[in-house]
Protein backbone atom coordinates (compact mmCIF):
# COMPACT_ATOMS: atom_id res chain seq x y z
CA MET A 1 151.92 40.44 133.19
CA THR A 2 154.66 37.94 132.22
CA ASP A 3 152.37 35.34 132.34
CA LEU A 4 150.76 35.86 129.08
CA PRO A 5 149.33 32.25 128.82
CA GLY A 6 148.22 32.10 132.15
CA ARG A 7 146.19 35.61 131.98
CA ALA A 8 145.40 34.07 128.55
CA PHE A 9 143.65 31.38 130.20
CA GLU A 10 142.30 33.22 132.89
CA ILE A 11 140.47 35.66 130.38
CA HIS A 12 138.75 32.49 128.82
CA GLN A 13 137.82 31.12 132.15
CA THR A 14 135.94 34.21 133.23
CA LEU A 15 133.99 34.79 129.52
CA LEU A 16 132.86 30.62 130.54
CA ASP A 17 131.74 31.69 133.99
CA PHE A 18 130.42 35.06 132.71
CA TYR A 19 128.40 33.80 129.35
CA GLY A 20 128.93 30.55 129.92
CA GLU A 21 129.86 27.41 127.47
CA PRO A 22 129.35 28.75 123.03
CA ILE A 23 127.47 26.91 121.01
CA TRP A 24 127.95 28.28 116.87
CA ARG A 25 125.51 27.26 114.47
CA ASN A 26 126.31 23.42 113.29
CA PRO A 27 129.21 22.88 111.62
CA LEU A 28 129.13 23.54 107.47
CA PRO A 29 131.29 21.47 105.26
CA ALA A 30 134.46 22.97 104.60
CA ILE A 31 133.91 23.70 100.76
CA ASP A 32 130.18 25.93 102.58
CA GLU A 33 131.84 27.61 105.09
CA LEU A 34 135.03 28.27 102.81
CA VAL A 35 132.00 30.27 100.26
CA SER A 36 130.43 31.29 103.45
CA THR A 37 133.76 33.17 105.39
CA ILE A 38 133.92 34.92 101.94
CA LEU A 39 130.53 36.43 101.75
CA SER A 40 131.04 37.77 105.71
CA GLN A 41 133.72 40.04 104.92
CA ASN A 42 133.40 43.40 105.47
CA THR A 43 129.71 42.69 106.35
CA ASN A 44 127.48 41.48 108.98
CA ASP A 45 126.59 37.78 110.16
CA VAL A 46 122.74 37.82 109.40
CA ASN A 47 123.54 39.88 105.89
CA ARG A 48 126.23 36.68 105.09
CA ASP A 49 123.72 34.22 105.47
CA ARG A 50 120.82 36.17 103.37
CA ALA A 51 123.39 36.28 100.76
CA PHE A 52 125.24 32.24 101.58
CA ASN A 53 121.07 30.78 101.53
CA ALA A 54 120.46 32.64 98.05
CA LEU A 55 123.21 31.24 96.66
CA ARG A 56 122.38 27.73 97.64
CA GLU A 57 118.66 28.50 96.73
CA ARG A 58 120.03 29.78 93.10
CA PHE A 59 122.77 26.82 92.56
CA PRO A 60 122.22 22.54 93.46
CA THR A 61 125.45 22.90 93.74
CA TRP A 62 129.02 24.39 94.56
CA GLU A 63 130.07 23.23 90.78
CA ALA A 64 127.31 25.53 89.13
CA VAL A 65 128.48 28.05 91.30
CA ARG A 66 131.80 27.55 89.32
CA ASP A 67 130.56 27.36 86.78
CA ALA A 68 127.97 29.45 86.29
CA GLY A 69 127.57 33.06 84.70
CA VAL A 70 129.43 35.60 86.83
CA THR A 71 126.60 37.63 86.64
CA ASP A 72 123.85 35.37 88.19
CA VAL A 73 126.79 34.80 90.84
CA ILE A 74 126.90 38.44 91.75
CA GLU A 75 123.27 38.61 91.79
CA ALA A 76 122.55 35.93 94.21
CA ILE A 77 124.88 37.35 96.68
CA ARG A 78 123.99 40.59 96.20
CA PRO A 79 123.35 41.10 99.56
CA ALA A 80 126.68 40.52 101.50
CA GLY A 81 127.92 43.91 99.71
CA LEU A 82 130.74 43.23 96.92
CA GLY A 83 129.36 41.48 95.38
CA ASN A 84 131.75 42.90 92.25
CA GLN A 85 134.65 41.42 94.04
CA LYS A 86 133.28 38.59 96.03
CA GLY A 87 131.67 36.55 93.35
CA PRO A 88 134.42 36.31 90.89
CA ARG A 89 136.41 35.38 93.59
CA ILE A 90 134.35 33.19 94.70
CA GLN A 91 134.69 31.08 91.52
CA GLN A 92 137.78 31.46 90.93
CA VAL A 93 138.67 29.62 94.45
CA LEU A 94 136.32 26.80 93.83
CA ARG A 95 137.77 26.87 89.56
CA GLU A 96 141.15 26.62 91.37
CA ILE A 97 140.60 23.96 93.79
CA THR A 98 139.15 21.87 91.20
CA SER A 99 141.53 22.22 89.34
CA GLU A 100 144.49 20.84 92.00
CA ARG A 101 141.99 17.63 93.53
CA GLY A 102 139.51 16.90 90.55
CA ASN A 103 136.77 18.43 93.08
CA LEU A 104 135.24 20.33 95.92
CA ASP A 105 136.09 18.42 99.08
CA LEU A 106 137.76 19.74 101.19
CA SER A 107 138.32 16.97 104.13
CA PHE A 108 141.41 15.39 103.45
CA LEU A 109 142.72 18.87 105.23
CA ALA A 110 140.93 17.13 108.48
CA ASP A 111 144.13 14.51 107.39
CA ILE A 112 147.31 16.81 106.96
CA PRO A 113 149.74 18.84 109.05
CA LEU A 114 147.83 21.91 110.60
CA GLU A 115 150.39 24.53 108.94
CA GLU A 116 150.56 22.68 105.69
CA ALA A 117 146.03 22.53 106.15
CA ARG A 118 146.81 25.92 106.85
CA GLY A 119 149.35 26.86 103.97
CA TRP A 120 146.90 25.22 101.11
CA LEU A 121 143.96 27.42 101.96
CA THR A 122 146.01 30.67 102.11
CA ARG A 123 147.17 30.23 98.99
CA PHE A 124 143.93 31.04 97.67
CA LYS A 125 143.51 35.39 96.72
CA GLY A 126 140.72 36.16 99.17
CA VAL A 127 142.02 33.23 101.48
CA GLY A 128 142.75 34.87 104.13
CA PRO A 129 144.93 33.70 107.57
CA LYS A 130 141.06 33.86 109.31
CA THR A 131 139.16 32.62 106.89
CA ALA A 132 141.74 29.42 106.30
CA ALA A 133 141.27 29.37 110.42
CA ILE A 134 137.53 29.40 110.37
CA VAL A 135 137.04 27.14 107.82
CA LEU A 136 139.78 24.67 109.85
CA CYS A 137 138.76 25.41 113.64
CA PHE A 138 134.55 25.24 112.51
CA SER A 139 134.17 22.66 109.83
CA LEU A 140 137.39 20.02 111.14
CA GLY A 141 138.00 20.27 114.29
CA ARG A 142 141.18 21.60 113.80
CA PRO A 143 143.07 23.72 116.62
CA ALA A 144 143.80 27.24 115.03
CA PHE A 145 142.07 30.66 116.55
CA PRO A 146 140.72 32.77 114.00
CA VAL A 147 141.23 36.74 114.43
CA ASP A 148 139.03 38.35 113.61
CA THR A 149 138.36 42.78 114.13
CA HIS A 150 136.71 41.78 117.62
CA ILE A 151 139.18 39.59 118.84
CA TYR A 152 142.04 42.32 117.73
CA ARG A 153 140.48 44.84 119.00
CA VAL A 154 139.35 42.86 122.25
CA SER A 155 143.20 41.40 123.16
CA GLY A 156 144.78 44.54 122.52
CA ARG A 157 143.04 46.12 125.39
CA LEU A 158 143.42 43.75 127.45
CA GLY A 159 147.43 43.29 127.17
CA LEU A 160 147.66 39.83 125.33
CA ARG A 161 149.20 41.03 122.47
CA PRO A 162 151.73 43.46 121.09
CA ALA A 163 149.92 46.90 120.61
CA THR A 164 152.10 46.89 117.19
CA MET A 165 151.46 43.55 116.20
CA SER A 166 149.52 43.24 113.13
CA VAL A 167 146.56 41.24 112.47
CA GLU A 168 148.26 38.43 110.53
CA ASP A 169 150.72 37.65 113.09
CA ALA A 170 148.21 38.02 115.64
CA HIS A 171 147.18 34.66 114.62
CA PRO A 172 150.05 32.48 115.48
CA HIS A 173 150.92 34.95 119.01
CA LEU A 174 147.03 34.25 119.83
CA GLU A 175 147.39 30.35 119.09
CA GLY A 176 150.45 30.31 121.49
CA LEU A 177 148.94 31.59 124.16
CA PHE A 178 145.71 29.98 124.70
CA PRO A 179 145.42 26.52 125.26
CA PRO A 180 143.92 24.17 121.79
CA GLU A 181 140.96 22.88 123.69
CA THR A 182 139.85 26.35 124.78
CA TYR A 183 139.90 28.00 121.13
CA TYR A 184 136.50 27.65 119.82
CA ALA A 185 134.93 28.60 123.17
CA ALA A 186 137.55 31.67 123.62
CA HIS A 187 136.91 33.08 120.05
CA LEU A 188 133.71 32.76 120.15
CA ASN A 189 133.27 34.31 124.12
CA ILE A 190 135.72 36.90 123.09
CA ILE A 191 133.76 37.93 119.73
CA ARG A 192 130.26 38.37 121.29
CA LEU A 193 132.75 40.16 124.01
CA GLY A 194 133.79 43.09 121.64
CA ARG A 195 130.64 43.28 120.23
CA GLU A 196 128.15 43.38 123.50
CA ILE A 197 130.25 45.12 125.51
CA CYS A 198 134.29 46.05 123.97
CA HIS A 199 132.45 48.51 121.31
CA ALA A 200 135.47 50.34 119.51
CA ARG A 201 133.84 53.41 120.67
CA LYS A 202 132.69 53.97 123.68
CA PRO A 203 133.52 50.98 125.39
CA GLU A 204 130.93 49.63 128.69
CA CYS A 205 133.95 49.31 130.50
CA GLY A 206 131.54 48.81 134.06
CA LYS A 207 128.96 45.91 132.59
CA CYS A 208 132.49 44.05 131.63
CA PRO A 209 133.43 40.89 133.56
CA LEU A 210 136.84 41.66 133.04
CA ARG A 211 137.56 45.71 133.57
CA ASP A 212 139.42 44.66 136.74
CA ARG A 213 142.08 43.02 133.92
CA CYS A 214 141.95 46.07 131.51
CA ALA A 215 144.40 48.96 131.01
CA THR A 216 141.08 50.82 129.65
CA GLY A 217 138.67 49.19 131.95
CA LEU A 218 140.85 50.34 134.91
CA ALA A 219 141.09 54.41 133.44
CA GLN A 220 137.24 54.58 133.39
CA GLU A 221 136.97 53.80 137.35
CA GLN A 222 139.86 56.38 137.52
């Protein structure tokens, strides 16, 4: 287990063999992905998408969202939950981006150094390492590795990170283990494994293609 990059690559290859090459939805513009990811916090994908689509139907542009009455935004995003937090947060981020950039076009983040782009995004309240990495990876094709609760749990069980490592520290740690060209597929396949098999409670280790490389899976076989 000393060769963690090699172990990470083997895990990636095994999940590719098991699940195939994953394809996410069509990439969104970076500002759309940013709003969508803020909406996704503490909810599931279905409710996130319902709230995002309702917001787009209610307001013709992100500028209209930015300038709308806060109660109207909160009402539109109600399906995502925590609207009283997420609504004002989205509007504030949109205002701050406009103030700094003069518009809501984030395509410039594709052309500046990666760490500068990451730092620029995470300056906004409510935009943490995961949200920034999702925007960078899935909208802009940058080599960033988002770590959500599933990836954090699975990577711990597989010994890819120290058990006491924080979620924030897991982002650069896992980026250092997986080759950049694998980030997209590895991210999506590990999430799928976490949702379908490697549950937080009662993981179905008998179904897992990685059980022979996982302390939890090996323990269940004994």
